[in-house]
Amino acid sequence: MATQEFDWLNTSETASMLGVTPRTLYRFIDEGKLPAYRFGRVIRLRADEVVKFIDQCRIEPGSLGILETEVEPADVEDDSTV
């Protein structure tokens, strides 16, 4: 039987890699968005699954709808009447 080796990350490394706080990382794990593994009291994440999570979070172009809302120009005072 072939053994498969994984690259494991701890929670601190993973949170840093994602640019989030550990609390946010634990929320992702608790909500089932990011798989994690408990070995005794230690939580580890597989690097390949973290990369997959990152890919799934990619924003599709045009999906934000930013350009759909009109931006009103700020009121500008006319100093020419001074």
C-alpha atoms as a PDB file:
ATOM      1  CA  MET A   1       0.000   0.000   0.000  1.00  0.00           C
ATOM      2  CA  ALA A   2       1.417   3.387  -1.062  1.00  0.00           C
ATOM      3  CA  THR A   3       1.625   6.086   1.543  1.00  0.00           C
ATOM      4  CA  GLN A   4       0.724   9.590   0.584  1.00  0.00           C
ATOM      5  CA  GLU A   5       2.639  12.479   2.082  1.00  0.00           C
ATOM      6  CA  PHE A   6       1.071  15.872   2.641  1.00  0.00           C
ATOM      7  CA  ASP A   7       2.535  19.254   3.311  1.00  0.00           C
ATOM      8  CA  TRP A   8       0.950  20.335   6.588  1.00  0.00           C
ATOM      9  CA  LEU A   9       0.425  23.905   7.789  1.00  0.00           C
ATOM     10  CA  ASN A  10      -0.335  25.033  11.307  1.00  0.00           C
ATOM     11  CA  THR A  11      -3.096  27.536  11.988  1.00  0.00           C
ATOM     12  CA  SER A  12      -0.700  30.451  12.383  1.00  0.00           C
ATOM     13  CA  GLU A  13       0.959  29.761   9.020  1.00  0.00           C
ATOM     14  CA  THR A  14      -2.417  29.332   7.338  1.00  0.00           C
ATOM     15  CA  ALA A  15      -3.928  32.511   8.779  1.00  0.00           C
ATOM     16  CA  SER A  16      -0.845  34.436   7.680  1.00  0.00           C
ATOM     17  CA  MET A  17      -0.976  32.858   4.216  1.00  0.00           C
ATOM     18  CA  LEU A  18      -4.628  33.900   3.840  1.00  0.00           C
ATOM     19  CA  GLY A  19      -4.069  37.327   5.362  1.00  0.00           C
ATOM     20  CA  VAL A  20      -6.747  36.791   8.001  1.00  0.00           C
ATOM     21  CA  THR A  21      -6.793  36.609  11.782  1.00  0.00           C
ATOM     22  CA  PRO A  22      -6.695  33.215  13.522  1.00  0.00           C
ATOM     23  CA  ARG A  23     -10.278  33.862  14.665  1.00  0.00           C
ATOM     24  CA  THR A  24     -11.418  34.216  11.022  1.00  0.00           C
ATOM     25  CA  LEU A  25      -9.496  31.063  10.111  1.00  0.00           C
ATOM     26  CA  TYR A  26     -11.253  29.114  12.895  1.00  0.00           C
ATOM     27  CA  ARG A  27     -14.595  30.446  11.611  1.00  0.00           C
ATOM     28  CA  PHE A  28     -13.784  29.163   8.095  1.00  0.00           C
ATOM     29  CA  ILE A  29     -12.961  25.773   9.605  1.00  0.00           C
ATOM     30  CA  ASP A  30     -16.044  25.685  11.856  1.00  0.00           C
ATOM     31  CA  GLU A  31     -18.354  26.653   8.972  1.00  0.00           C
ATOM     32  CA  GLY A  32     -16.910  23.834   6.849  1.00  0.00           C
ATOM     33  CA  LYS A  33     -15.393  26.176   4.277  1.00  0.00           C
ATOM     34  CA  LEU A  34     -11.848  24.971   4.924  1.00  0.00           C
ATOM     35  CA  PRO A  35     -10.996  21.388   5.900  1.00  0.00           C
ATOM     36  CA  ALA A  36      -8.788  20.937   8.942  1.00  0.00           C
ATOM     37  CA  TYR A  37      -7.507  17.987  10.932  1.00  0.00           C
ATOM     38  CA  ARG A  38      -7.065  17.547  14.664  1.00  0.00           C
ATOM     39  CA  PHE A  39      -4.202  15.414  15.904  1.00  0.00           C
ATOM     40  CA  GLY A  40      -4.646  15.372  19.664  1.00  0.00           C
ATOM     41  CA  ARG A  41      -4.691  19.036  20.634  1.00  0.00           C
ATOM     42  CA  VAL A  42      -3.029  20.215  17.420  1.00  0.00           C
ATOM     43  CA  ILE A  43      -4.961  21.487  14.379  1.00  0.00           C
ATOM     44  CA  ARG A  44      -3.301  21.144  10.990  1.00  0.00           C
ATOM     45  CA  LEU A  45      -4.365  22.020   7.457  1.00  0.00           C
ATOM     46  CA  ARG A  46      -3.184  20.445   4.237  1.00  0.00           C
ATOM     47  CA  ALA A  47      -1.380  22.939   2.020  1.00  0.00           C
ATOM     48  CA  ASP A  48      -3.080  21.619  -1.137  1.00  0.00           C
ATOM     49  CA  GLU A  49      -6.533  22.112   0.420  1.00  0.00           C
ATOM     50  CA  VAL A  50      -5.638  25.657   1.476  1.00  0.00           C
ATOM     51  CA  VAL A  51      -4.585  26.421  -2.111  1.00  0.00           C
ATOM     52  CA  LYS A  52      -7.879  24.940  -3.354  1.00  0.00           C
ATOM     53  CA  PHE A  53      -9.789  27.131  -0.862  1.00  0.00           C
ATOM     54  CA  ILE A  54      -7.933  30.189  -2.158  1.00  0.00           C
ATOM     55  CA  ASP A  55      -8.855  29.283  -5.735  1.00  0.00           C
ATOM     56  CA  GLN A  56     -12.525  28.866  -4.751  1.00  0.00           C
ATOM     57  CA  CYS A  57     -12.521  32.365  -3.249  1.00  0.00           C
ATOM     58  CA  ARG A  58     -11.495  33.960  -6.530  1.00  0.00           C
ATOM     59  CA  ILE A  59     -13.775  36.802  -7.571  1.00  0.00           C
ATOM     60  CA  GLU A  60     -15.110  36.466 -11.084  1.00  0.00           C
ATOM     61  CA  PRO A  61     -14.633  39.586 -13.195  1.00  0.00           C
ATOM     62  CA  GLY A  62     -17.768  41.709 -13.276  1.00  0.00           C
ATOM     63  CA  SER A  63     -19.346  39.991 -10.271  1.00  0.00           C
ATOM     64  CA  LEU A  64     -18.873  42.820  -7.777  1.00  0.00           C
ATOM     65  CA  GLY A  65     -21.388  45.129  -9.399  1.00  0.00           C
ATOM     66  CA  ILE A  66     -19.325  48.193  -8.518  1.00  0.00           C
ATOM     67  CA  LEU A  67     -19.804  49.761 -11.920  1.00  0.00           C
ATOM     68  CA  GLU A  68     -23.562  49.213 -11.792  1.00  0.00           C
ATOM     69  CA  THR A  69     -24.049  51.831  -9.092  1.00  0.00           C
ATOM     70  CA  GLU A  70     -23.825  55.445 -10.155  1.00  0.00           C
ATOM     71  CA  VAL A  71     -21.384  57.561  -8.250  1.00  0.00           C
ATOM     72  CA  GLU A  72     -22.582  61.098  -7.635  1.00  0.00           C
ATOM     73  CA  PRO A  73     -19.886  63.747  -8.072  1.00  0.00           C
ATOM     74  CA  ALA A  74     -19.075  65.632  -4.891  1.00  0.00           C
ATOM     75  CA  ASP A  75     -20.422  69.165  -4.581  1.00  0.00           C
ATOM     76  CA  VAL A  76     -17.715  71.570  -5.690  1.00  0.00           C
ATOM     77  CA  GLU A  77     -17.801  75.169  -4.585  1.00  0.00           C
ATOM     78  CA  ASP A  78     -17.289  77.719  -7.326  1.00  0.00           C
ATOM     79  CA  ASP A  79     -14.557  80.124  -6.213  1.00  0.00           C
ATOM     80  CA  SER A  80     -14.853  82.256  -9.360  1.00  0.00           C
ATOM     81  CA  THR A  81     -17.423  84.610  -7.771  1.00  0.00           C
ATOM     82  CA  VAL A  82     -15.057  85.839  -5.071  1.00  0.00           C
END
